[in-house]
Amino acid sequence: MELSDEIEINAPQELVYQALNDPEILRQCIPGCEELIKHSDTELEAIVVLKIGPVKARFSGNVTLDTAGAPDGFSLSGQGNGGKAGHAKGGADVTLENKGDVTVLRYTAKAEIGGKLAQLGSRLIAGTAKRLAAKFFKKFADIVGTVDA
């Protein structure tokens, strides 16, 4: 499954980049996130509870950031395990384009799932993934857009 989108955030690029690396802001934005622990500048651990169709599961996972292109962009990859519900792994490429006081954030994400989740059907999974991504970025834009630079 692949997702891509772009969103305009009413904040300068440097502020958007800093917020994307702030575990507290990310925890607030990730739907169902119970815990987000920053182990290093490139390693995060998360616990997320999600309901996808009839399946509700608690996922624990790790995310690794590649900040070589920062602050104009970065990549992340991760994997999570939801026990009997299944597992997921994937990654995303994010670019940030500075347009004065506005930053255009573009992302392309890929994910693979297995277990019970994979049996739910690609339409349900894709629809849920799009909804969760939209929820994340709306919340992110709301939080970052209200932070004083």
N, C-alpha and C. Protein backbone atom coordinates (compact mmCIF):
# COMPACT_ATOMS: atom_id res chain seq x y z
N MET A 1 0.84 -1.17 0.00
CA MET A 1 0.00 0.00 0.00
C MET A 1 0.89 1.24 0.00
N GLU A 2 0.49 2.24 -0.77
CA GLU A 2 1.25 3.48 -0.83
C GLU A 2 0.31 4.66 -0.65
N LEU A 3 0.76 5.64 0.12
CA LEU A 3 0.02 6.87 0.36
C LEU A 3 0.92 8.05 0.05
N SER A 4 0.34 9.11 -0.47
CA SER A 4 1.11 10.34 -0.64
C SER A 4 0.14 11.51 -0.56
N ASP A 5 0.65 12.63 -0.08
CA ASP A 5 -0.18 13.82 0.06
C ASP A 5 0.73 15.00 0.34
N GLU A 6 0.14 16.17 0.37
CA GLU A 6 0.87 17.36 0.78
C GLU A 6 -0.07 18.24 1.59
N ILE A 7 0.53 19.00 2.49
CA ILE A 7 -0.25 19.88 3.35
C ILE A 7 0.54 21.16 3.57
N GLU A 8 -0.17 22.29 3.62
CA GLU A 8 0.48 23.56 3.93
C GLU A 8 0.32 23.82 5.42
N ILE A 9 1.45 24.17 6.05
CA ILE A 9 1.45 24.44 7.49
C ILE A 9 1.86 25.89 7.68
N ASN A 10 1.07 26.63 8.44
CA ASN A 10 1.33 28.05 8.66
C ASN A 10 2.43 28.26 9.69
N ALA A 11 3.62 27.85 9.32
CA ALA A 11 4.80 28.02 10.17
C ALA A 11 6.03 27.92 9.28
N PRO A 12 7.14 28.56 9.68
CA PRO A 12 8.36 28.46 8.89
C PRO A 12 8.95 27.05 8.93
N GLN A 13 9.73 26.73 7.90
CA GLN A 13 10.29 25.39 7.73
C GLN A 13 11.05 24.89 8.96
N GLU A 14 11.89 25.73 9.54
CA GLU A 14 12.69 25.29 10.69
C GLU A 14 11.80 24.87 11.86
N LEU A 15 10.72 25.60 12.10
CA LEU A 15 9.80 25.26 13.18
C LEU A 15 9.08 23.94 12.88
N VAL A 16 8.68 23.75 11.63
CA VAL A 16 8.01 22.50 11.24
C VAL A 16 8.97 21.33 11.43
N TYR A 17 10.22 21.49 11.00
CA TYR A 17 11.21 20.42 11.15
C TYR A 17 11.44 20.10 12.63
N GLN A 18 11.58 21.12 13.46
CA GLN A 18 11.77 20.89 14.89
C GLN A 18 10.58 20.14 15.48
N ALA A 19 9.37 20.52 15.08
CA ALA A 19 8.17 19.86 15.61
C ALA A 19 8.09 18.40 15.18
N LEU A 20 8.55 18.10 13.96
CA LEU A 20 8.55 16.71 13.49
C LEU A 20 9.56 15.85 14.26
N ASN A 21 10.44 16.49 15.00
CA ASN A 21 11.42 15.78 15.81
C ASN A 21 11.14 15.91 17.31
N ASP A 22 9.98 16.43 17.66
CA ASP A 22 9.60 16.61 19.06
C ASP A 22 8.65 15.49 19.46
N PRO A 23 9.11 14.56 20.32
CA PRO A 23 8.27 13.42 20.68
C PRO A 23 6.93 13.80 21.31
N GLU A 24 6.88 14.88 22.07
CA GLU A 24 5.63 15.27 22.71
C GLU A 24 4.61 15.76 21.68
N ILE A 25 5.06 16.53 20.70
CA ILE A 25 4.15 16.97 19.64
C ILE A 25 3.68 15.77 18.82
N LEU A 26 4.61 14.88 18.47
CA LEU A 26 4.24 13.69 17.69
C LEU A 26 3.26 12.81 18.46
N ARG A 27 3.48 12.64 19.76
CA ARG A 27 2.58 11.80 20.57
C ARG A 27 1.16 12.36 20.51
N GLN A 28 1.04 13.68 20.58
CA GLN A 28 -0.28 14.31 20.52
C GLN A 28 -0.96 14.12 19.16
N CYS A 29 -0.16 14.00 18.11
CA CYS A 29 -0.70 13.95 16.75
C CYS A 29 -0.99 12.54 16.25
N ILE A 30 -0.25 11.56 16.73
CA ILE A 30 -0.42 10.18 16.24
C ILE A 30 -1.70 9.61 16.82
N PRO A 31 -2.67 9.26 15.96
CA PRO A 31 -3.93 8.70 16.46
C PRO A 31 -3.67 7.43 17.28
N GLY A 32 -4.24 7.39 18.47
CA GLY A 32 -4.14 6.21 19.34
C GLY A 32 -2.81 6.04 20.05
N CYS A 33 -1.93 7.04 19.96
CA CYS A 33 -0.61 6.91 20.57
C CYS A 33 -0.71 7.01 22.09
N GLU A 34 -0.27 5.97 22.78
CA GLU A 34 -0.26 5.96 24.23
C GLU A 34 1.09 6.40 24.77
N GLU A 35 2.14 6.08 24.03
CA GLU A 35 3.48 6.38 24.52
C GLU A 35 4.42 6.54 23.33
N LEU A 36 5.32 7.51 23.43
CA LEU A 36 6.35 7.71 22.42
C LEU A 36 7.63 8.07 23.14
N ILE A 37 8.62 7.23 23.00
CA ILE A 37 9.88 7.39 23.71
C ILE A 37 10.98 7.66 22.70
N LYS A 38 11.74 8.73 22.92
CA LYS A 38 12.87 9.06 22.06
C LYS A 38 14.13 8.48 22.69
N HIS A 39 14.69 7.47 22.05
CA HIS A 39 15.91 6.84 22.57
C HIS A 39 17.17 7.58 22.11
N SER A 40 17.08 8.21 20.94
CA SER A 40 18.21 9.00 20.41
C SER A 40 17.63 9.93 19.36
N ASP A 41 18.49 10.69 18.70
CA ASP A 41 18.02 11.60 17.66
C ASP A 41 17.44 10.85 16.46
N THR A 42 17.74 9.57 16.35
CA THR A 42 17.26 8.80 15.19
C THR A 42 16.42 7.58 15.56
N GLU A 43 16.22 7.30 16.85
CA GLU A 43 15.49 6.11 17.28
C GLU A 43 14.33 6.46 18.20
N LEU A 44 13.12 6.03 17.81
CA LEU A 44 11.91 6.23 18.61
C LEU A 44 11.23 4.89 18.85
N GLU A 45 10.51 4.81 19.96
CA GLU A 45 9.72 3.62 20.27
C GLU A 45 8.31 4.10 20.57
N ALA A 46 7.30 3.41 20.02
CA ALA A 46 5.92 3.85 20.20
C ALA A 46 5.02 2.70 20.62
N ILE A 47 3.96 3.06 21.37
CA ILE A 47 2.86 2.14 21.66
C ILE A 47 1.60 2.85 21.19
N VAL A 48 0.89 2.21 20.26
CA VAL A 48 -0.29 2.80 19.63
C VAL A 48 -1.43 1.79 19.67
N VAL A 49 -2.62 2.26 20.02
CA VAL A 49 -3.82 1.42 19.99
C VAL A 49 -4.68 1.88 18.82
N LEU A 50 -4.98 0.96 17.92
CA LEU A 50 -5.78 1.28 16.73
C LEU A 50 -6.92 0.29 16.56
N LYS A 51 -8.01 0.79 16.01
CA LYS A 51 -9.13 -0.07 15.62
C LYS A 51 -9.26 0.05 14.11
N ILE A 52 -9.07 -1.07 13.44
CA ILE A 52 -9.18 -1.11 11.99
C ILE A 52 -10.28 -2.12 11.67
N GLY A 53 -11.41 -1.61 11.22
CA GLY A 53 -12.56 -2.48 11.01
C GLY A 53 -12.92 -3.13 12.34
N PRO A 54 -13.09 -4.47 12.35
CA PRO A 54 -13.45 -5.15 13.59
C PRO A 54 -12.25 -5.48 14.50
N VAL A 55 -11.04 -5.16 14.04
CA VAL A 55 -9.83 -5.54 14.78
C VAL A 55 -9.29 -4.35 15.56
N LYS A 56 -9.17 -4.53 16.88
CA LYS A 56 -8.56 -3.50 17.72
C LYS A 56 -7.31 -4.13 18.32
N ALA A 57 -6.21 -3.41 18.21
CA ALA A 57 -4.96 -3.97 18.69
C ALA A 57 -4.04 -2.89 19.23
N ARG A 58 -3.18 -3.32 20.13
CA ARG A 58 -2.13 -2.45 20.67
C ARG A 58 -0.84 -2.85 19.95
N PHE A 59 -0.27 -1.88 19.25
CA PHE A 59 0.97 -2.10 18.52
C PHE A 59 2.13 -1.50 19.28
N SER A 60 3.21 -2.23 19.33
CA SER A 60 4.45 -1.66 19.84
C SER A 60 5.44 -1.73 18.69
N GLY A 61 6.20 -0.66 18.54
CA GLY A 61 7.10 -0.65 17.40
C GLY A 61 8.23 0.33 17.56
N ASN A 62 9.14 0.25 16.61
CA ASN A 62 10.31 1.11 16.58
C ASN A 62 10.36 1.87 15.27
N VAL A 63 10.82 3.11 15.34
CA VAL A 63 10.96 3.96 14.16
C VAL A 63 12.40 4.47 14.12
N THR A 64 12.98 4.42 12.93
CA THR A 64 14.33 4.93 12.72
C THR A 64 14.26 6.08 11.72
N LEU A 65 14.88 7.20 12.07
CA LEU A 65 14.90 8.38 11.21
C LEU A 65 16.23 8.49 10.48
N ASP A 66 16.17 8.92 9.23
CA ASP A 66 17.36 9.23 8.46
C ASP A 66 17.27 10.72 8.14
N THR A 67 18.06 11.52 8.85
CA THR A 67 17.97 12.97 8.74
C THR A 67 19.05 13.56 7.83
N ALA A 68 19.62 12.75 6.96
CA ALA A 68 20.72 13.22 6.10
C ALA A 68 20.31 14.42 5.25
N GLY A 69 19.05 14.53 4.85
CA GLY A 69 18.61 15.63 4.00
C GLY A 69 18.00 16.80 4.76
N ALA A 70 18.09 16.77 6.09
CA ALA A 70 17.44 17.78 6.92
C ALA A 70 18.05 19.17 6.70
N PRO A 71 17.29 20.21 6.86
CA PRO A 71 15.89 20.29 7.25
C PRO A 71 14.92 20.27 6.06
N ASP A 72 15.43 20.07 4.83
CA ASP A 72 14.56 20.06 3.65
C ASP A 72 13.79 18.74 3.51
N GLY A 73 14.25 17.70 4.16
CA GLY A 73 13.58 16.42 4.07
C GLY A 73 14.26 15.38 4.91
N PHE A 74 13.57 14.29 5.11
CA PHE A 74 14.12 13.15 5.83
C PHE A 74 13.29 11.92 5.51
N SER A 75 13.80 10.79 5.92
CA SER A 75 13.11 9.52 5.72
C SER A 75 12.94 8.84 7.06
N LEU A 76 11.95 7.99 7.14
CA LEU A 76 11.78 7.20 8.35
C LEU A 76 11.33 5.81 7.95
N SER A 77 11.69 4.84 8.77
CA SER A 77 11.25 3.47 8.56
C SER A 77 10.91 2.88 9.91
N GLY A 78 10.02 1.92 9.92
CA GLY A 78 9.64 1.33 11.18
C GLY A 78 8.89 0.04 11.00
N GLN A 79 8.69 -0.61 12.13
CA GLN A 79 7.90 -1.83 12.15
C GLN A 79 7.20 -1.93 13.48
N GLY A 80 6.03 -2.54 13.46
CA GLY A 80 5.25 -2.69 14.67
C GLY A 80 4.63 -4.05 14.74
N ASN A 81 4.36 -4.49 15.96
CA ASN A 81 3.76 -5.79 16.18
C ASN A 81 2.50 -5.60 17.01
N GLY A 82 1.40 -6.14 16.52
CA GLY A 82 0.13 -6.05 17.23
C GLY A 82 -0.33 -7.39 17.77
N GLY A 83 0.62 -8.28 18.06
CA GLY A 83 0.26 -9.59 18.60
C GLY A 83 -0.56 -10.39 17.61
N LYS A 84 -1.68 -10.94 18.06
CA LYS A 84 -2.54 -11.77 17.22
C LYS A 84 -3.16 -11.00 16.06
N ALA A 85 -3.27 -9.67 16.22
CA ALA A 85 -3.88 -8.86 15.16
C ALA A 85 -2.99 -8.77 13.93
N GLY A 86 -1.68 -8.90 14.14
CA GLY A 86 -0.79 -8.87 13.00
C GLY A 86 0.38 -7.93 13.20
N HIS A 87 1.02 -7.62 12.11
CA HIS A 87 2.20 -6.77 12.16
C HIS A 87 2.20 -5.85 10.95
N ALA A 88 3.02 -4.80 11.06
CA ALA A 88 3.13 -3.85 9.95
C ALA A 88 4.57 -3.36 9.90
N LYS A 89 5.00 -3.05 8.69
CA LYS A 89 6.30 -2.39 8.52
C LYS A 89 6.20 -1.48 7.33
N GLY A 90 7.02 -0.44 7.36
CA GLY A 90 6.96 0.50 6.25
C GLY A 90 7.90 1.66 6.46
N GLY A 91 7.70 2.67 5.64
CA GLY A 91 8.55 3.84 5.71
C GLY A 91 7.92 5.00 4.99
N ALA A 92 8.55 6.16 5.13
CA ALA A 92 8.04 7.35 4.48
C ALA A 92 9.19 8.29 4.14
N ASP A 93 9.01 9.02 3.06
CA ASP A 93 9.92 10.10 2.68
C ASP A 93 9.13 11.39 2.84
N VAL A 94 9.73 12.35 3.54
CA VAL A 94 9.07 13.62 3.81
C VAL A 94 9.96 14.74 3.28
N THR A 95 9.34 15.69 2.56
CA THR A 95 10.08 16.89 2.14
C THR A 95 9.35 18.12 2.67
N LEU A 96 10.16 19.13 2.99
CA LEU A 96 9.63 20.40 3.49
C LEU A 96 10.09 21.50 2.55
N GLU A 97 9.13 22.25 2.01
CA GLU A 97 9.46 23.36 1.10
C GLU A 97 9.07 24.67 1.77
N ASN A 98 10.05 25.53 1.92
CA ASN A 98 9.86 26.82 2.56
C ASN A 98 9.20 27.80 1.59
N LYS A 99 8.06 28.36 1.98
CA LYS A 99 7.39 29.39 1.18
C LYS A 99 7.07 30.56 2.11
N GLY A 100 8.13 31.21 2.60
CA GLY A 100 7.94 32.33 3.52
C GLY A 100 7.50 31.84 4.88
N ASP A 101 6.32 32.30 5.32
CA ASP A 101 5.79 31.89 6.62
C ASP A 101 5.01 30.59 6.55
N VAL A 102 4.95 29.99 5.36
CA VAL A 102 4.23 28.74 5.16
C VAL A 102 5.22 27.67 4.72
N THR A 103 5.03 26.45 5.22
CA THR A 103 5.85 25.32 4.80
C THR A 103 4.95 24.29 4.14
N VAL A 104 5.35 23.83 2.96
CA VAL A 104 4.62 22.76 2.28
C VAL A 104 5.30 21.45 2.65
N LEU A 105 4.54 20.58 3.31
CA LEU A 105 5.04 19.27 3.71
C LEU A 105 4.47 18.25 2.73
N ARG A 106 5.34 17.49 2.09
CA ARG A 106 4.92 16.42 1.18
C ARG A 106 5.45 15.10 1.71
N TYR A 107 4.63 14.07 1.58
CA TYR A 107 5.11 12.76 2.03
C TYR A 107 4.64 11.67 1.08
N THR A 108 5.45 10.63 1.01
CA THR A 108 5.10 9.39 0.33
C THR A 108 5.41 8.28 1.31
N ALA A 109 4.43 7.45 1.58
CA ALA A 109 4.61 6.38 2.56
C ALA A 109 4.23 5.04 1.94
N LYS A 110 4.96 4.01 2.34
CA LYS A 110 4.66 2.65 1.92
C LYS A 110 4.54 1.78 3.16
N ALA A 111 3.61 0.84 3.12
CA ALA A 111 3.43 -0.06 4.26
C ALA A 111 3.06 -1.45 3.79
N GLU A 112 3.49 -2.41 4.56
CA GLU A 112 3.12 -3.82 4.36
C GLU A 112 2.55 -4.32 5.67
N ILE A 113 1.47 -5.10 5.56
CA ILE A 113 0.86 -5.64 6.77
C ILE A 113 0.71 -7.15 6.64
N GLY A 114 0.61 -7.80 7.79
CA GLY A 114 0.43 -9.25 7.82
C GLY A 114 -0.45 -9.64 8.99
N GLY A 115 -0.83 -10.89 9.03
CA GLY A 115 -1.69 -11.39 10.10
C GLY A 115 -3.15 -11.09 9.82
N LYS A 116 -3.96 -11.00 10.90
CA LYS A 116 -5.39 -10.75 10.75
C LYS A 116 -5.68 -9.46 10.00
N LEU A 117 -4.83 -8.46 10.20
CA LEU A 117 -5.05 -7.18 9.50
C LEU A 117 -5.05 -7.36 7.99
N ALA A 118 -4.17 -8.21 7.49
CA ALA A 118 -4.07 -8.42 6.05
C ALA A 118 -5.33 -9.08 5.49
N GLN A 119 -6.07 -9.78 6.34
CA GLN A 119 -7.28 -10.46 5.90
C GLN A 119 -8.48 -9.51 5.79
N LEU A 120 -8.34 -8.29 6.28
CA LEU A 120 -9.47 -7.35 6.27
C LEU A 120 -9.76 -6.78 4.90
N GLY A 121 -8.82 -6.86 4.00
CA GLY A 121 -9.04 -6.35 2.66
C GLY A 121 -8.35 -5.02 2.46
N SER A 122 -7.82 -4.85 1.26
CA SER A 122 -7.01 -3.68 0.97
C SER A 122 -7.81 -2.39 0.98
N ARG A 123 -9.09 -2.42 0.62
CA ARG A 123 -9.89 -1.19 0.62
C ARG A 123 -10.05 -0.64 2.03
N LEU A 124 -10.37 -1.52 2.98
CA LEU A 124 -10.55 -1.09 4.36
C LEU A 124 -9.22 -0.58 4.93
N ILE A 125 -8.16 -1.30 4.68
CA ILE A 125 -6.84 -0.92 5.19
C ILE A 125 -6.42 0.42 4.58
N ALA A 126 -6.53 0.57 3.28
CA ALA A 126 -6.12 1.81 2.61
C ALA A 126 -6.97 2.98 3.09
N GLY A 127 -8.27 2.78 3.22
CA GLY A 127 -9.15 3.84 3.69
C GLY A 127 -8.81 4.26 5.11
N THR A 128 -8.54 3.29 5.96
CA THR A 128 -8.17 3.59 7.35
C THR A 128 -6.83 4.31 7.40
N ALA A 129 -5.87 3.86 6.60
CA ALA A 129 -4.55 4.49 6.58
C ALA A 129 -4.65 5.95 6.12
N LYS A 130 -5.46 6.21 5.10
CA LYS A 130 -5.64 7.59 4.62
C LYS A 130 -6.29 8.46 5.69
N ARG A 131 -7.28 7.90 6.37
CA ARG A 131 -7.98 8.64 7.42
C ARG A 131 -7.03 8.96 8.58
N LEU A 132 -6.22 7.98 8.99
CA LEU A 132 -5.27 8.20 10.08
C LEU A 132 -4.20 9.21 9.71
N ALA A 133 -3.71 9.14 8.47
CA ALA A 133 -2.69 10.10 8.02
C ALA A 133 -3.28 11.51 8.00
N ALA A 134 -4.50 11.64 7.48
CA ALA A 134 -5.14 12.96 7.43
C ALA A 134 -5.35 13.51 8.84
N LYS A 135 -5.74 12.64 9.77
CA LYS A 135 -5.95 13.05 11.16
C LYS A 135 -4.63 13.52 11.78
N PHE A 136 -3.55 12.77 11.52
CA PHE A 136 -2.24 13.15 12.04
C PHE A 136 -1.83 14.52 11.54
N PHE A 137 -1.88 14.74 10.22
CA PHE A 137 -1.40 15.98 9.65
C PHE A 137 -2.28 17.17 9.98
N LYS A 138 -3.58 16.97 10.13
CA LYS A 138 -4.45 18.07 10.55
C LYS A 138 -4.08 18.49 11.96
N LYS A 139 -3.94 17.53 12.86
CA LYS A 139 -3.58 17.84 14.24
C LYS A 139 -2.19 18.49 14.29
N PHE A 140 -1.25 17.96 13.50
CA PHE A 140 0.10 18.51 13.46
C PHE A 140 0.07 19.97 13.00
N ALA A 141 -0.66 20.23 11.92
CA ALA A 141 -0.74 21.59 11.38
C ALA A 141 -1.41 22.53 12.39
N ASP A 142 -2.43 22.03 13.10
CA ASP A 142 -3.10 22.85 14.11
C ASP A 142 -2.14 23.21 15.25
N ILE A 143 -1.37 22.24 15.72
CA ILE A 143 -0.44 22.47 16.82
C ILE A 143 0.72 23.38 16.39
N VAL A 144 1.35 23.04 15.29
CA VAL A 144 2.54 23.79 14.85
C VAL A 144 2.15 25.18 14.39
N GLY A 145 1.00 25.30 13.76
CA GLY A 145 0.56 26.60 13.28
C GLY A 145 0.22 27.57 14.40
N THR A 146 0.04 27.07 15.64
CA THR A 146 -0.30 27.94 16.76
C THR A 146 0.91 28.23 17.65
N VAL A 147 2.04 27.56 17.38
CA VAL A 147 3.24 27.77 18.17
C VAL A 147 3.88 29.08 17.75
N ASP A 148 4.31 29.88 18.72
CA ASP A 148 5.01 31.12 18.41
C ASP A 148 6.42 30.82 17.94
N ALA A 149 6.81 31.42 16.83
CA ALA A 149 8.15 31.19 16.27
C ALA A 149 9.19 31.98 17.04
